[in-house]
Amino acid sequence: MYLIRSGAIEGYEKRVYQLGYNPHKILQELGMSSAQLREPEALISYVKVAELLDLTAQVCDDPIFSLKLAEKQTAMAIGELVLSTSQQPTLRESIQFSNQHMRLHARGVHLALEVKGDIAEIHLNFDFTNASGLQQLILLSVAQIYNALSALLGEVNPLLKMDMQTHLQEKDIATLKGYSAHLNVGSTFNGIHYPSVWLDRENKHNDQMLQEHFNKRIQLLESIYPEDLQAQVRYICSNLLSSGECTIDRVSAALNLHPRVLQKRLHSENTSFSQLLQVTRTMTAQQQLLYGSLSILDIALNLGYSEASVFCRNFKKWTGLSPRQWRLKNKKAE
């Protein structure tokens, strides 16, 4: 099953409204709903997202709809993947990490690094296709890689280019504000290219980006769950699990609270940080066991465990079943 975080199309509804159309009608035509887009970390069908972008471009008569959508996004559209990637020492290691852990954002897409003399290319490849050849999805994905690399470099550099095999009209490209000078259309591949000497440059470790990410997500959660501190804590935990840095200090900082204050407020609600962390791990593990095909070791690593045995022991304590037993029982029911 090919899945992607709904956060990948963050800003979709707003963009469609700006063009004078109703996003709900477009979503309904594909059997989708706005509720699926409300939680950025929710997993939705990758194939459906590709169809949604194609249909939207057609309905709105905007052949570069997805490029304009990505132009309004930040690197955080790919969620915790970019946060973890930004912690790698160099750009080369960031690319390797991204490809190894792409499942944190999507399943069914891969990156391939090719160095050709003075030029390094990142090729974008999908395990599926559709009637348009994933035209809009490719535009969105290439632009999101560009956004992520710009964040890692700490600058917008004219030598960083987006490569797209499709041919775009000059009049459409001219409507783009920041991307037009970085587009290389009619290319031999879909992806990004830049000077190969950049591969060993140190990344800009941007803690401000991390804080901005959580600030934005907290605003979203407050609009959905007013005054629900527990929901906010669980959400931040779900973002930090795979990084291995899901501590009360990190979560408190994201909420702009002192750790003691957070513990005190949670205690007044008859819970604790450790209990909410366990609930988050349980829910995340069950979702990945039921809807994904990840190995038990990969799920353990996604949850911040260094060993699968520790995860298995804890999971059995929470549910009464081992991860394998739980997966078998519930997949049959599903």
Protein backbone atom coordinates (compact mmCIF):
# COMPACT_ATOMS: atom_id res chain seq x y z
CA MET A 1 0.00 0.00 0.00
CA TYR A 2 1.40 3.39 -1.03
CA LEU A 3 0.79 5.98 1.70
CA ILE A 4 1.83 9.57 2.35
CA ARG A 5 1.38 12.07 5.16
CA SER A 6 -1.52 14.42 4.50
CA GLY A 7 0.84 17.26 5.48
CA ALA A 8 2.45 16.87 2.04
CA ILE A 9 -0.44 18.83 0.52
CA GLU A 10 -0.63 21.37 3.31
CA GLY A 11 -2.36 24.51 2.07
CA TYR A 12 -4.31 22.63 -0.61
CA GLU A 13 -7.77 23.85 0.36
CA LYS A 14 -6.64 27.45 0.79
CA ARG A 15 -5.00 27.44 -2.65
CA VAL A 16 -8.10 26.04 -4.35
CA TYR A 17 -10.31 28.65 -2.66
CA GLN A 18 -7.94 31.40 -3.84
CA LEU A 19 -8.46 30.22 -7.40
CA GLY A 20 -12.22 30.55 -6.94
CA TYR A 21 -13.13 26.87 -6.67
CA ASN A 22 -14.54 24.59 -3.97
CA PRO A 23 -11.95 22.07 -2.72
CA HIS A 24 -14.62 19.98 -0.96
CA LYS A 25 -16.32 19.14 -4.27
CA ILE A 26 -13.02 18.09 -5.81
CA LEU A 27 -12.19 15.92 -2.80
CA GLN A 28 -15.64 14.33 -2.83
CA GLU A 29 -15.31 13.41 -6.50
CA LEU A 30 -12.41 11.15 -5.51
CA GLY A 31 -14.10 9.82 -2.39
CA MET A 32 -11.95 11.96 -0.11
CA SER A 33 -12.85 14.52 2.57
CA SER A 34 -11.38 17.56 4.25
CA ALA A 35 -11.21 15.60 7.50
CA GLN A 36 -8.39 13.53 6.00
CA LEU A 37 -6.30 16.68 5.55
CA ARG A 38 -6.90 18.05 9.04
CA GLU A 39 -4.13 16.07 10.77
CA PRO A 40 -0.75 16.49 8.99
CA GLU A 41 0.61 13.16 10.27
CA ALA A 42 -2.38 11.11 9.13
CA LEU A 43 -1.55 8.63 6.35
CA ILE A 44 -3.59 8.79 3.14
CA SER A 45 -3.40 7.00 -0.19
CA TYR A 46 -0.44 8.23 -2.28
CA VAL A 47 -2.25 7.22 -5.49
CA LYS A 48 -5.31 9.25 -4.41
CA VAL A 49 -3.13 12.29 -3.74
CA ALA A 50 -1.67 12.01 -7.25
CA GLU A 51 -5.19 11.81 -8.72
CA LEU A 52 -6.35 14.70 -6.54
CA LEU A 53 -3.56 16.98 -7.77
CA ASP A 54 -4.20 16.06 -11.41
CA LEU A 55 -7.96 16.63 -11.08
CA THR A 56 -7.44 19.92 -9.25
CA ALA A 57 -5.09 21.24 -11.94
CA GLN A 58 -7.72 20.33 -14.53
CA VAL A 59 -10.71 21.81 -12.67
CA CYS A 60 -8.83 25.01 -11.78
CA ASP A 61 -7.32 25.25 -15.28
CA ASP A 62 -3.88 25.67 -13.72
CA PRO A 63 -1.21 23.39 -15.27
CA ILE A 64 1.32 24.30 -12.56
CA PHE A 65 -1.07 24.10 -9.60
CA SER A 66 1.27 21.83 -7.65
CA LEU A 67 4.29 24.09 -8.14
CA LYS A 68 2.32 27.04 -6.81
CA LEU A 69 1.17 24.92 -3.87
CA ALA A 70 4.76 23.94 -3.01
CA GLU A 71 5.93 27.54 -3.42
CA LYS A 72 3.70 28.53 -0.50
CA GLN A 73 4.96 25.67 1.67
CA THR A 74 8.10 25.45 3.79
CA ALA A 75 10.52 22.56 4.13
CA MET A 76 8.29 21.36 6.98
CA ALA A 77 5.75 20.02 4.45
CA ILE A 78 7.67 16.74 4.66
CA GLY A 79 7.39 16.78 8.44
CA GLU A 80 9.71 14.98 10.79
CA LEU A 81 11.79 13.63 7.90
CA VAL A 82 13.30 17.06 7.28
CA LEU A 83 13.81 17.58 11.02
CA SER A 84 15.81 14.36 11.31
CA THR A 85 17.61 15.03 8.03
CA SER A 86 18.73 18.45 9.23
CA GLN A 87 20.60 16.78 12.09
CA GLN A 88 22.97 14.97 9.70
CA PRO A 89 26.50 16.45 9.41
CA THR A 90 26.64 17.00 5.63
CA LEU A 91 24.37 17.28 2.63
CA ARG A 92 25.55 13.91 1.33
CA GLU A 93 24.61 12.20 4.60
CA SER A 94 21.28 14.03 4.63
CA ILE A 95 20.39 12.64 1.21
CA GLN A 96 21.39 9.12 2.25
CA PHE A 97 19.37 9.44 5.47
CA SER A 98 16.33 10.75 3.57
CA ASN A 99 16.31 7.83 1.17
CA GLN A 100 16.73 5.28 3.97
CA HIS A 101 13.95 6.80 6.05
CA MET A 102 11.59 8.13 3.37
CA ARG A 103 8.85 5.97 4.93
CA LEU A 104 8.56 8.60 7.69
CA HIS A 105 6.93 10.79 5.03
CA ALA A 106 5.78 8.50 2.23
CA ARG A 107 5.92 4.92 0.95
CA GLY A 108 6.35 4.35 -2.76
CA VAL A 109 8.94 7.03 -3.59
CA HIS A 110 12.75 6.86 -3.69
CA LEU A 111 15.71 9.19 -4.17
CA ALA A 112 18.87 8.23 -6.07
CA LEU A 113 22.06 10.31 -5.87
CA GLU A 114 24.20 10.37 -9.02
CA VAL A 115 27.45 12.34 -9.24
CA LYS A 116 28.50 13.32 -12.77
CA GLY A 117 31.73 15.26 -12.56
CA ASP A 118 31.02 18.71 -11.18
CA ILE A 119 27.29 18.07 -10.93
CA ALA A 120 25.33 16.06 -8.37
CA GLU A 121 21.85 14.91 -9.32
CA ILE A 122 19.05 13.64 -7.08
CA HIS A 123 16.68 11.49 -9.13
CA LEU A 124 13.08 11.08 -7.98
CA ASN A 125 11.45 7.70 -8.66
CA PHE A 126 8.00 6.30 -7.86
CA ASP A 127 6.81 2.70 -7.51
CA PHE A 128 3.48 3.54 -9.13
CA THR A 129 2.02 5.74 -11.86
CA ASN A 130 -1.32 6.98 -13.20
CA ALA A 131 -2.91 8.17 -16.45
CA SER A 132 -0.96 11.45 -16.46
CA GLY A 133 2.34 9.85 -15.50
CA LEU A 134 2.05 11.51 -12.06
CA GLN A 135 2.51 14.90 -13.70
CA GLN A 136 1.30 17.07 -10.82
CA LEU A 137 2.75 14.83 -8.10
CA ILE A 138 6.18 15.12 -9.73
CA LEU A 139 5.92 18.92 -9.81
CA LEU A 140 5.01 18.97 -6.12
CA SER A 141 7.65 16.45 -5.04
CA VAL A 142 10.54 18.02 -6.94
CA ALA A 143 9.67 21.43 -5.51
CA GLN A 144 9.48 20.00 -1.97
CA ILE A 145 12.96 18.49 -2.36
CA TYR A 146 14.14 21.91 -3.50
CA ASN A 147 12.57 23.53 -0.41
CA ALA A 148 14.23 20.98 1.89
CA LEU A 149 17.68 21.42 0.31
CA SER A 150 17.39 25.20 0.49
CA ALA A 151 16.67 24.87 4.22
CA LEU A 152 19.67 22.57 4.70
CA LEU A 153 21.92 24.98 2.79
CA GLY A 154 20.56 27.93 4.74
CA GLU A 155 20.09 29.98 1.58
CA VAL A 156 18.35 30.27 -1.78
CA ASN A 157 21.18 29.55 -4.21
CA PRO A 158 20.87 30.10 -8.00
CA LEU A 159 22.95 26.96 -8.61
CA LEU A 160 20.27 24.76 -7.04
CA LYS A 161 18.00 23.68 -9.91
CA MET A 162 14.76 21.73 -10.23
CA ASP A 163 14.74 19.22 -13.11
CA MET A 164 11.47 18.15 -14.69
CA GLN A 165 10.95 16.00 -17.74
CA THR A 166 7.68 17.73 -18.56
CA HIS A 167 7.57 20.86 -20.74
CA LEU A 168 5.92 23.90 -19.15
CA GLN A 169 4.69 27.05 -20.88
CA GLU A 170 6.78 30.19 -20.37
CA LYS A 171 3.64 32.16 -19.51
CA ASP A 172 2.92 29.72 -16.67
CA ILE A 173 6.49 29.74 -15.38
CA ALA A 174 6.42 33.56 -15.34
CA THR A 175 3.62 33.46 -12.73
CA LEU A 176 5.91 31.78 -10.20
CA LYS A 177 7.51 34.15 -7.72
CA GLY A 178 10.51 32.27 -6.35
CA TYR A 179 10.86 29.17 -8.51
CA SER A 180 11.04 30.52 -12.08
CA ALA A 181 14.83 31.02 -12.12
CA HIS A 182 15.42 27.56 -10.66
CA LEU A 183 13.42 25.49 -13.17
CA ASN A 184 15.04 23.24 -15.77
CA VAL A 185 12.09 21.87 -17.77
CA GLY A 186 12.34 19.25 -20.51
CA SER A 187 15.15 17.61 -18.54
CA THR A 188 16.27 13.98 -18.85
CA PHE A 189 15.11 13.20 -15.29
CA ASN A 190 12.85 14.42 -12.48
CA GLY A 191 14.72 15.74 -9.48
CA ILE A 192 17.34 18.28 -8.45
CA HIS A 193 20.88 19.13 -9.51
CA TYR A 194 23.59 21.30 -7.94
CA PRO A 195 27.43 21.50 -7.74
CA SER A 196 28.88 18.22 -6.45
CA VAL A 197 31.26 20.13 -4.12
CA TRP A 198 28.21 20.93 -1.99
CA LEU A 199 27.87 17.29 -0.96
CA ASP A 200 30.41 17.64 1.83
CA ARG A 201 29.24 21.04 3.04
CA GLU A 202 28.07 21.17 6.63
CA ASN A 203 24.33 21.48 7.08
CA LYS A 204 22.77 24.45 8.79
CA HIS A 205 21.43 22.93 12.01
CA ASN A 206 18.34 25.04 12.27
CA ASP A 207 16.78 24.79 15.73
CA GLN A 208 14.61 27.76 14.78
CA MET A 209 13.07 25.65 12.00
CA LEU A 210 12.21 22.99 14.58
CA GLN A 211 10.58 25.53 16.88
CA GLU A 212 8.66 27.15 14.01
CA HIS A 213 7.41 23.71 12.98
CA PHE A 214 5.98 23.00 16.42
CA ASN A 215 4.59 26.51 16.81
CA LYS A 216 2.66 26.05 13.59
CA ARG A 217 1.42 22.61 14.59
CA ILE A 218 0.39 23.83 18.04
CA GLN A 219 -1.69 26.58 16.43
CA LEU A 220 -3.40 23.92 14.33
CA LEU A 221 -4.05 21.68 17.33
CA GLU A 222 -5.41 24.56 19.40
CA SER A 223 -7.89 25.32 16.64
CA ILE A 224 -9.05 21.67 16.59
CA TYR A 225 -8.69 20.83 20.31
CA PRO A 226 -8.94 24.11 22.27
CA GLU A 227 -7.08 23.98 25.58
CA ASP A 228 -6.30 20.26 25.10
CA LEU A 229 -2.78 20.03 26.51
CA GLN A 230 -2.72 16.23 26.31
CA ALA A 231 -3.48 16.26 22.57
CA GLN A 232 -0.67 18.76 22.03
CA VAL A 233 1.81 16.64 23.99
CA ARG A 234 0.82 13.48 22.11
CA TYR A 235 1.19 15.24 18.79
CA ILE A 236 4.67 16.58 19.55
CA CYS A 237 5.71 13.16 20.82
CA SER A 238 4.57 11.56 17.56
CA ASN A 239 6.81 13.97 15.66
CA LEU A 240 9.85 13.35 17.83
CA LEU A 241 9.70 9.58 18.34
CA SER A 242 11.89 8.54 15.41
CA SER A 243 14.57 11.09 16.24
CA GLY A 244 15.24 9.43 19.60
CA GLU A 245 14.87 12.86 21.23
CA CYS A 246 11.36 12.52 22.59
CA THR A 247 12.12 13.83 26.07
CA ILE A 248 10.07 15.98 28.37
CA ASP A 249 12.65 18.75 27.96
CA ARG A 250 12.24 18.77 24.17
CA VAL A 251 8.44 18.58 24.33
CA SER A 252 8.29 21.32 26.98
CA ALA A 253 10.46 23.57 24.85
CA ALA A 254 8.13 23.05 21.88
CA LEU A 255 5.21 24.11 24.11
CA ASN A 256 7.19 27.02 25.52
CA LEU A 257 6.77 25.62 29.04
CA HIS A 258 9.22 24.67 31.76
CA PRO A 259 9.35 20.86 32.23
CA ARG A 260 8.16 21.17 35.84
CA VAL A 261 5.22 23.32 34.77
CA LEU A 262 4.25 20.79 32.12
CA GLN A 263 4.44 17.91 34.61
CA LYS A 264 2.37 19.86 37.12
CA ARG A 265 -0.34 20.68 34.57
CA LEU A 266 -0.49 17.07 33.39
CA HIS A 267 -0.66 15.85 36.99
CA SER A 268 -3.67 18.12 37.56
CA GLU A 269 -5.32 16.25 34.66
CA ASN A 270 -4.52 12.88 36.30
CA THR A 271 -1.87 11.89 33.78
CA SER A 272 1.87 12.29 33.18
CA PHE A 273 4.34 12.74 30.37
CA SER A 274 5.42 9.10 30.53
CA GLN A 275 1.80 7.91 30.25
CA LEU A 276 1.14 10.12 27.21
CA LEU A 277 4.38 8.94 25.63
CA GLN A 278 3.25 5.33 26.09
CA VAL A 279 -0.18 6.07 24.56
CA THR A 280 1.49 7.76 21.58
CA ARG A 281 3.88 4.88 21.05
CA THR A 282 1.06 2.35 21.29
CA MET A 283 -1.15 4.17 18.77
CA THR A 284 1.73 4.77 16.36
CA ALA A 285 2.90 1.17 16.60
CA GLN A 286 -0.61 -0.17 15.98
CA GLN A 287 -1.10 2.07 12.94
CA GLN A 288 2.21 0.97 11.42
CA LEU A 289 1.55 -2.69 12.20
CA LEU A 290 -1.94 -2.60 10.70
CA TYR A 291 -1.48 -0.41 7.60
CA GLY A 292 2.18 -0.77 6.74
CA SER A 293 4.59 -3.51 5.80
CA LEU A 294 7.52 -2.35 7.93
CA SER A 295 9.57 -4.91 9.80
CA ILE A 296 9.32 -5.06 13.59
CA LEU A 297 12.85 -3.61 13.79
CA ASP A 298 11.92 -0.64 11.57
CA ILE A 299 8.83 0.08 13.67
CA ALA A 300 10.95 -0.11 16.83
CA LEU A 301 13.40 2.42 15.38
CA ASN A 302 10.53 4.68 14.30
CA LEU A 303 9.35 4.68 17.90
CA GLY A 304 12.76 5.70 19.22
CA TYR A 305 13.91 2.28 20.47
CA SER A 306 17.47 1.17 19.76
CA GLU A 307 16.53 -2.53 20.00
CA ALA A 308 13.51 -4.43 18.70
CA SER A 309 13.47 -6.63 21.82
CA VAL A 310 12.77 -3.65 24.10
CA PHE A 311 9.91 -2.54 21.84
CA CYS A 312 8.44 -6.06 21.72
CA ARG A 313 8.60 -6.40 25.50
CA ASN A 314 6.87 -3.06 26.05
CA PHE A 315 4.26 -3.64 23.34
CA LYS A 316 3.23 -6.94 24.94
CA LYS A 317 2.96 -5.17 28.29
CA TRP A 318 0.63 -2.57 26.70
CA THR A 319 -1.58 -4.88 24.62
CA GLY A 320 -1.09 -8.40 25.97
CA LEU A 321 0.20 -9.53 22.55
CA SER A 322 3.56 -9.43 20.80
CA PRO A 323 3.76 -7.08 17.77
CA ARG A 324 3.62 -10.06 15.37
CA GLN A 325 0.62 -11.59 17.15
CA TRP A 326 -1.20 -8.24 17.21
CA ARG A 327 -0.52 -7.65 13.49
CA LEU A 328 -1.75 -11.12 12.52
CA LYS A 329 -4.91 -10.90 14.65
CA ASN A 330 -5.92 -7.39 13.56
CA LYS A 331 -5.03 -7.71 9.87
CA LYS A 332 -7.34 -10.71 9.70
CA ALA A 333 -10.11 -8.66 11.31
CA GLU A 334 -9.43 -5.77 8.93
